[in-house]
Amino acid sequence: MKVVSFEDVEATGHEICFVHSGCGVEADVIILDINSIFDYEEKKHDLCKDNFTSISIIDDHDDYDAFKNFGITAWIKREDISELPNLLNDVKTRMGL
C-alpha cells in the first residue's frame, strides 16, 4: 500500500512518503490536514490512483466542516494521531491491498 502525506507524519509498520520530498508514486492513501487542502486538491490527480482513500487530520470541528465538501474518506483527530497505524491497517483491509 502506497501512502503519501502532505504532513510529515509517521505510522509504525507503514512507509509514508512526504509529498514535498518528491514522491513519484500513485498513492492508495493520501493524508492531509487543513493547511494542505488546496495543495491536495491541486495535486491529487497526479499523486493518486483512480481508487484511493483520503485521510484528514483535524484539529477541531471547524476543520471537519471545511473538509466535508472535499470528499474526504476518513478523519482522525490530531490528538489521536498515535492511532494512525490502526486506521491505515483498516484502510488496507477494506481496500483489499
C-alpha atoms as a PDB file:
ATOM      1  CA  MET A   1       0.000   0.000   0.000  1.00  0.00           C
ATOM      2  CA  LYS A   2       1.434   3.339  -1.029  1.00  0.00           C
ATOM      3  CA  VAL A   3       0.787   6.184   1.404  1.00  0.00           C
ATOM      4  CA  VAL A   4       1.577   9.820   0.608  1.00  0.00           C
ATOM      5  CA  SER A   5       1.203  12.598   3.140  1.00  0.00           C
ATOM      6  CA  PHE A   6       1.068  16.365   2.876  1.00  0.00           C
ATOM      7  CA  GLU A   7       2.120  16.425   6.518  1.00  0.00           C
ATOM      8  CA  ASP A   8       5.304  14.837   7.846  1.00  0.00           C
ATOM      9  CA  VAL A   9       3.768  12.000   9.897  1.00  0.00           C
ATOM     10  CA  GLU A  10       4.882   8.548  10.925  1.00  0.00           C
ATOM     11  CA  ALA A  11       2.876   5.377  11.359  1.00  0.00           C
ATOM     12  CA  THR A  12       4.668   2.338  12.722  1.00  0.00           C
ATOM     13  CA  GLY A  13       4.530  -0.504  10.227  1.00  0.00           C
ATOM     14  CA  HIS A  14       3.740   1.752   7.254  1.00  0.00           C
ATOM     15  CA  GLU A  15       6.023   3.609   4.908  1.00  0.00           C
ATOM     16  CA  ILE A  16       4.704   7.112   4.365  1.00  0.00           C
ATOM     17  CA  CYS A  17       6.165   9.334   1.684  1.00  0.00           C
ATOM     18  CA  PHE A  18       6.105  13.058   2.460  1.00  0.00           C
ATOM     19  CA  VAL A  19       4.801  14.738  -0.711  1.00  0.00           C
ATOM     20  CA  HIS A  20       7.315  17.589  -0.517  1.00  0.00           C
ATOM     21  CA  SER A  21      10.133  15.033  -0.638  1.00  0.00           C
ATOM     22  CA  GLY A  22       9.314  14.330  -4.270  1.00  0.00           C
ATOM     23  CA  CYS A  23       7.082  11.252  -4.155  1.00  0.00           C
ATOM     24  CA  GLY A  24       6.573   9.908  -7.619  1.00  0.00           C
ATOM     25  CA  VAL A  25       4.046   7.247  -6.691  1.00  0.00           C
ATOM     26  CA  GLU A  26       0.408   6.555  -7.355  1.00  0.00           C
ATOM     27  CA  ALA A  27      -0.914   6.661  -3.813  1.00  0.00           C
ATOM     28  CA  ASP A  28      -3.510   4.283  -2.446  1.00  0.00           C
ATOM     29  CA  VAL A  29      -3.884   6.555   0.590  1.00  0.00           C
ATOM     30  CA  ILE A  30      -3.268  10.263   0.957  1.00  0.00           C
ATOM     31  CA  ILE A  31      -3.033  12.076   4.299  1.00  0.00           C
ATOM     32  CA  LEU A  32      -3.679  15.796   4.599  1.00  0.00           C
ATOM     33  CA  ASP A  33      -4.659  18.499   7.058  1.00  0.00           C
ATOM     34  CA  ILE A  34      -6.499  21.809   6.862  1.00  0.00           C
ATOM     35  CA  ASN A  35      -3.338  23.641   5.798  1.00  0.00           C
ATOM     36  CA  SER A  36      -2.831  21.391   2.786  1.00  0.00           C
ATOM     37  CA  ILE A  37      -6.401  21.016   1.469  1.00  0.00           C
ATOM     38  CA  PHE A  38      -5.888  23.256  -1.564  1.00  0.00           C
ATOM     39  CA  ASP A  39      -2.487  21.715  -2.345  1.00  0.00           C
ATOM     40  CA  TYR A  40      -4.186  18.305  -2.143  1.00  0.00           C
ATOM     41  CA  GLU A  41      -6.984  19.390  -4.493  1.00  0.00           C
ATOM     42  CA  GLU A  42      -4.429  20.680  -6.975  1.00  0.00           C
ATOM     43  CA  LYS A  43      -2.180  17.586  -6.920  1.00  0.00           C
ATOM     44  CA  LYS A  44      -4.449  14.630  -6.139  1.00  0.00           C
ATOM     45  CA  HIS A  45      -4.913  13.616  -9.770  1.00  0.00           C
ATOM     46  CA  ASP A  46      -1.145  13.416 -10.263  1.00  0.00           C
ATOM     47  CA  LEU A  47      -0.428  11.698  -6.934  1.00  0.00           C
ATOM     48  CA  CYS A  48      -3.264   9.216  -6.505  1.00  0.00           C
ATOM     49  CA  LYS A  49      -4.580   6.094  -8.138  1.00  0.00           C
ATOM     50  CA  ASP A  50      -8.101   6.249  -9.528  1.00  0.00           C
ATOM     51  CA  ASN A  51      -9.380   4.436  -6.430  1.00  0.00           C
ATOM     52  CA  PHE A  52      -7.757   5.969  -3.341  1.00  0.00           C
ATOM     53  CA  THR A  53      -8.601   6.820   0.241  1.00  0.00           C
ATOM     54  CA  SER A  54      -8.077  10.255   1.751  1.00  0.00           C
ATOM     55  CA  ILE A  55      -7.447  10.717   5.464  1.00  0.00           C
ATOM     56  CA  SER A  56      -7.757  14.140   7.005  1.00  0.00           C
ATOM     57  CA  ILE A  57      -6.073  15.142  10.254  1.00  0.00           C
ATOM     58  CA  ILE A  58      -8.427  17.509  12.027  1.00  0.00           C
ATOM     59  CA  ASP A  59      -7.667  19.881  14.873  1.00  0.00           C
ATOM     60  CA  ASP A  60     -11.219  20.979  15.684  1.00  0.00           C
ATOM     61  CA  HIS A  61     -14.832  20.785  14.491  1.00  0.00           C
ATOM     62  CA  ASP A  62     -14.327  23.686  12.077  1.00  0.00           C
ATOM     63  CA  ASP A  63     -11.768  21.562  10.199  1.00  0.00           C
ATOM     64  CA  TYR A  64     -14.355  18.804   9.809  1.00  0.00           C
ATOM     65  CA  ASP A  65     -16.878  21.283   8.423  1.00  0.00           C
ATOM     66  CA  ALA A  66     -14.310  22.520   5.895  1.00  0.00           C
ATOM     67  CA  PHE A  67     -13.308  19.017   4.785  1.00  0.00           C
ATOM     68  CA  LYS A  68     -16.804  17.601   4.310  1.00  0.00           C
ATOM     69  CA  ASN A  69     -17.098  19.427   0.982  1.00  0.00           C
ATOM     70  CA  PHE A  70     -13.899  17.893  -0.393  1.00  0.00           C
ATOM     71  CA  GLY A  71     -14.937  14.224  -0.443  1.00  0.00           C
ATOM     72  CA  ILE A  72     -12.573  13.121   2.324  1.00  0.00           C
ATOM     73  CA  THR A  73     -12.921   9.405   3.093  1.00  0.00           C
ATOM     74  CA  ALA A  74     -11.771   9.308   6.742  1.00  0.00           C
ATOM     75  CA  TRP A  75     -10.875  11.668   9.560  1.00  0.00           C
ATOM     76  CA  ILE A  76      -8.561  11.381  12.534  1.00  0.00           C
ATOM     77  CA  LYS A  77      -8.180  13.908  15.326  1.00  0.00           C
ATOM     78  CA  ARG A  78      -4.659  15.246  15.760  1.00  0.00           C
ATOM     79  CA  GLU A  79      -4.684  14.196  19.421  1.00  0.00           C
ATOM     80  CA  ASP A  80      -5.422  10.627  18.238  1.00  0.00           C
ATOM     81  CA  ILE A  81      -2.617  10.565  15.646  1.00  0.00           C
ATOM     82  CA  SER A  82      -0.984   7.675  17.529  1.00  0.00           C
ATOM     83  CA  GLU A  83      -3.907   5.584  16.212  1.00  0.00           C
ATOM     84  CA  LEU A  84      -2.912   6.296  12.579  1.00  0.00           C
ATOM     85  CA  PRO A  85      -1.280   2.852  12.126  1.00  0.00           C
ATOM     86  CA  ASN A  86      -4.566   1.188  13.133  1.00  0.00           C
ATOM     87  CA  LEU A  87      -6.544   3.386  10.748  1.00  0.00           C
ATOM     88  CA  LEU A  88      -4.127   2.569   7.918  1.00  0.00           C
ATOM     89  CA  ASN A  89      -4.478  -1.156   8.694  1.00  0.00           C
ATOM     90  CA  ASP A  90      -8.271  -0.808   8.471  1.00  0.00           C
ATOM     91  CA  VAL A  91      -7.985   1.064   5.171  1.00  0.00           C
ATOM     92  CA  LYS A  92      -5.634  -1.590   3.800  1.00  0.00           C
ATOM     93  CA  THR A  93      -8.066  -4.358   4.718  1.00  0.00           C
ATOM     94  CA  ARG A  94     -11.104  -2.549   3.317  1.00  0.00           C
ATOM     95  CA  MET A  95      -9.310  -1.721   0.050  1.00  0.00           C
ATOM     96  CA  GLY A  96      -8.119  -5.317  -0.295  1.00  0.00           C
ATOM     97  CA  LEU A  97      -4.458  -4.288  -0.516  1.00  0.00           C
END
